[in-house]
Amino acid sequence: MSLDPRQFRNALGQFSTGVCVITANPAGYNPFGMTVNSFASVSLDPALVLWSLRNDSECLDAFNKSKTFTVNVLASDQVAMSNHYAKKSEHDLLDDHYRIGKSGAPVLRGALTSFECETWAHYDGGDHIIVVGKVIEMDCKPGAKPLVFHAGQYRELR
């Protein structure tokens, strides 16, 4: 059976997700970020999370060289930030958008939750690379509303 790629993508879009910006600053690169919605938890002990990156992403080489990264779960008031780092060639972090975390990786200001990670493993995932990180620091702001994505649009929880 062969699936139509557009229909498959639309069907996947029926699964509501949070929106994250993955940030890093490996040697030889400016601090940068990329919007993703492919974030998931993996394990509590050790604390592992994953996200995925297209094999042809312009950020692939930088993430491959990075020993640390941060998964920044965006709050509902960060739509503009999500859109900014989702654009091609718009990945350098703006100075007022971040601070350097305890791990040395950039952490976005105002994020609902940030998970600072050491790169644990990379796995082949078809047209994507699956990146697994070991969480070594986190910052959580309970009570704030998350930025949600469903069927190609931002949504609000009620």
Protein backbone atom coordinates (compact mmCIF):
# COMPACT_ATOMS: atom_id res chain seq x y z
CA MET A 1 0.00 0.00 0.00
CA SER A 2 1.30 3.43 -0.94
CA LEU A 3 0.21 6.50 0.99
CA ASP A 4 -0.24 9.89 -0.60
CA PRO A 5 2.32 12.11 1.20
CA ARG A 6 -0.03 15.15 1.41
CA GLN A 7 -2.93 13.07 2.76
CA PHE A 8 -0.59 11.43 5.29
CA ARG A 9 0.69 14.82 6.44
CA ASN A 10 -2.87 16.14 6.75
CA ALA A 11 -3.88 13.08 8.78
CA LEU A 12 -0.89 13.59 11.11
CA GLY A 13 -2.01 17.20 11.51
CA GLN A 14 -5.12 15.96 13.30
CA PHE A 15 -2.88 15.16 16.28
CA SER A 16 -2.57 18.33 18.36
CA THR A 17 0.94 19.13 19.54
CA GLY A 18 2.80 21.70 21.52
CA VAL A 19 5.24 23.97 19.72
CA CYS A 20 8.93 24.05 20.61
CA VAL A 21 12.03 25.89 19.51
CA ILE A 22 15.18 23.78 19.76
CA THR A 23 18.20 25.97 20.51
CA ALA A 24 21.93 25.29 20.46
CA ASN A 25 25.28 27.03 20.02
CA PRO A 26 28.00 24.58 18.97
CA ALA A 27 31.53 25.85 18.38
CA GLY A 28 31.79 27.77 15.12
CA TYR A 29 28.10 28.76 15.04
CA ASN A 30 26.07 31.65 16.39
CA PRO A 31 23.41 30.67 18.92
CA PHE A 32 20.47 29.47 16.81
CA GLY A 33 17.00 27.99 17.06
CA MET A 34 14.50 26.08 14.97
CA THR A 35 10.75 25.64 15.49
CA VAL A 36 9.53 22.02 15.74
CA ASN A 37 6.45 20.17 16.90
CA SER A 38 8.06 16.73 16.93
CA PHE A 39 8.90 16.71 20.64
CA ALA A 40 8.15 13.73 22.95
CA SER A 41 9.22 12.26 26.24
CA VAL A 42 11.14 8.96 26.14
CA SER A 43 12.17 7.94 29.66
CA LEU A 44 11.94 9.13 33.25
CA ASP A 45 15.10 7.32 34.41
CA PRO A 46 17.29 8.43 32.84
CA ALA A 47 15.38 11.58 31.88
CA LEU A 48 15.29 11.40 28.07
CA VAL A 49 13.38 13.39 25.44
CA LEU A 50 13.36 13.31 21.65
CA TRP A 51 12.64 15.50 18.66
CA SER A 52 13.22 15.07 14.94
CA LEU A 53 14.92 17.05 12.21
CA ARG A 54 14.63 16.70 8.43
CA ASN A 55 17.69 15.18 6.75
CA ASP A 56 17.88 18.20 4.43
CA SER A 57 17.47 20.86 7.15
CA GLU A 58 19.81 23.81 6.90
CA CYS A 59 20.39 23.33 10.66
CA LEU A 60 21.42 19.66 10.43
CA ASP A 61 25.20 20.20 10.43
CA ALA A 62 25.03 22.55 13.42
CA PHE A 63 22.87 20.15 15.44
CA ASN A 64 25.18 17.26 14.53
CA LYS A 65 28.11 19.22 16.00
CA SER A 66 26.27 20.29 19.14
CA LYS A 67 26.89 18.42 22.38
CA THR A 68 24.02 20.25 24.10
CA PHE A 69 20.68 21.71 23.07
CA THR A 70 17.56 23.08 24.73
CA VAL A 71 13.97 22.11 24.01
CA ASN A 72 11.96 25.28 24.68
CA VAL A 73 8.22 24.60 24.95
CA LEU A 74 6.51 27.79 23.85
CA ALA A 75 3.76 29.63 25.70
CA SER A 76 0.59 30.81 23.98
CA ASP A 77 1.93 34.39 23.72
CA GLN A 78 4.99 33.28 21.68
CA VAL A 79 3.40 32.84 18.24
CA ALA A 80 5.69 35.50 16.73
CA MET A 81 8.75 33.71 18.11
CA SER A 82 7.52 30.39 16.71
CA ASN A 83 6.96 31.94 13.27
CA HIS A 84 10.34 33.69 13.31
CA TYR A 85 12.41 30.54 13.95
CA ALA A 86 10.27 28.47 11.54
CA LYS A 87 11.48 30.54 8.57
CA LYS A 88 14.27 29.32 6.34
CA SER A 89 17.51 31.23 6.95
CA GLU A 90 16.08 32.89 10.11
CA HIS A 91 17.68 30.72 12.76
CA ASP A 92 20.20 33.00 14.49
CA LEU A 93 18.77 33.85 17.90
CA LEU A 94 17.95 37.49 18.56
CA ASP A 95 19.87 38.76 21.59
CA ASP A 96 16.75 39.66 23.58
CA HIS A 97 15.16 36.23 22.98
CA TYR A 98 17.55 34.12 25.08
CA ARG A 99 19.98 33.66 27.92
CA ILE A 100 22.72 31.05 28.23
CA GLY A 101 21.60 28.21 30.51
CA LYS A 102 23.60 26.21 33.03
CA SER A 103 24.43 23.64 30.33
CA GLY A 104 25.89 26.35 28.09
CA ALA A 105 23.00 26.02 25.63
CA PRO A 106 20.68 28.94 24.87
CA VAL A 107 17.36 29.05 26.77
CA LEU A 108 14.49 31.13 25.38
CA ARG A 109 13.03 33.82 27.62
CA GLY A 110 9.34 33.37 28.40
CA ALA A 111 9.18 29.70 27.42
CA LEU A 112 6.59 27.63 29.24
CA THR A 113 9.20 24.96 29.96
CA SER A 114 12.84 24.54 28.92
CA PHE A 115 14.75 21.26 28.96
CA GLU A 116 18.53 21.67 28.70
CA CYS A 117 19.94 18.46 27.27
CA GLU A 118 23.14 16.64 26.47
CA THR A 119 22.92 14.87 23.12
CA TRP A 120 22.33 11.18 23.95
CA ALA A 121 21.90 9.65 20.46
CA HIS A 122 20.90 10.22 16.85
CA TYR A 123 18.79 7.63 15.01
CA ASP A 124 17.80 7.29 11.38
CA GLY A 125 14.09 7.98 10.92
CA GLY A 126 13.45 7.88 7.16
CA ASP A 127 13.61 11.45 5.88
CA HIS A 128 14.35 12.68 9.43
CA ILE A 129 17.00 12.24 12.10
CA ILE A 130 15.63 11.45 15.56
CA VAL A 131 17.60 13.30 18.23
CA VAL A 132 17.48 11.98 21.79
CA GLY A 133 18.69 14.17 24.64
CA LYS A 134 19.39 13.53 28.30
CA VAL A 135 17.78 16.30 30.35
CA ILE A 136 20.34 17.86 32.70
CA GLU A 137 18.49 21.08 33.66
CA MET A 138 14.93 22.29 33.36
CA ASP A 139 12.86 25.35 34.06
CA CYS A 140 9.07 25.13 34.28
CA LYS A 141 6.42 27.84 34.62
CA PRO A 142 3.26 26.03 35.78
CA GLY A 143 -0.04 27.73 35.11
CA ALA A 144 0.92 29.42 31.84
CA LYS A 145 -0.93 28.39 28.67
CA PRO A 146 0.94 26.39 25.99
CA LEU A 147 1.15 27.24 22.32
CA VAL A 148 -0.78 24.48 20.53
CA PHE A 149 -0.70 23.44 16.86
CA HIS A 150 -3.52 21.50 15.17
CA ALA A 151 -4.46 21.01 11.49
CA GLY A 152 -1.88 23.53 10.29
CA GLN A 153 -2.92 26.32 12.68
CA TYR A 154 -2.15 27.62 16.13
CA ARG A 155 -4.91 26.87 18.63
CA GLU A 156 -5.77 27.76 22.21
CA LEU A 157 -6.70 25.45 25.03
CA ARG A 158 -9.97 26.29 26.76
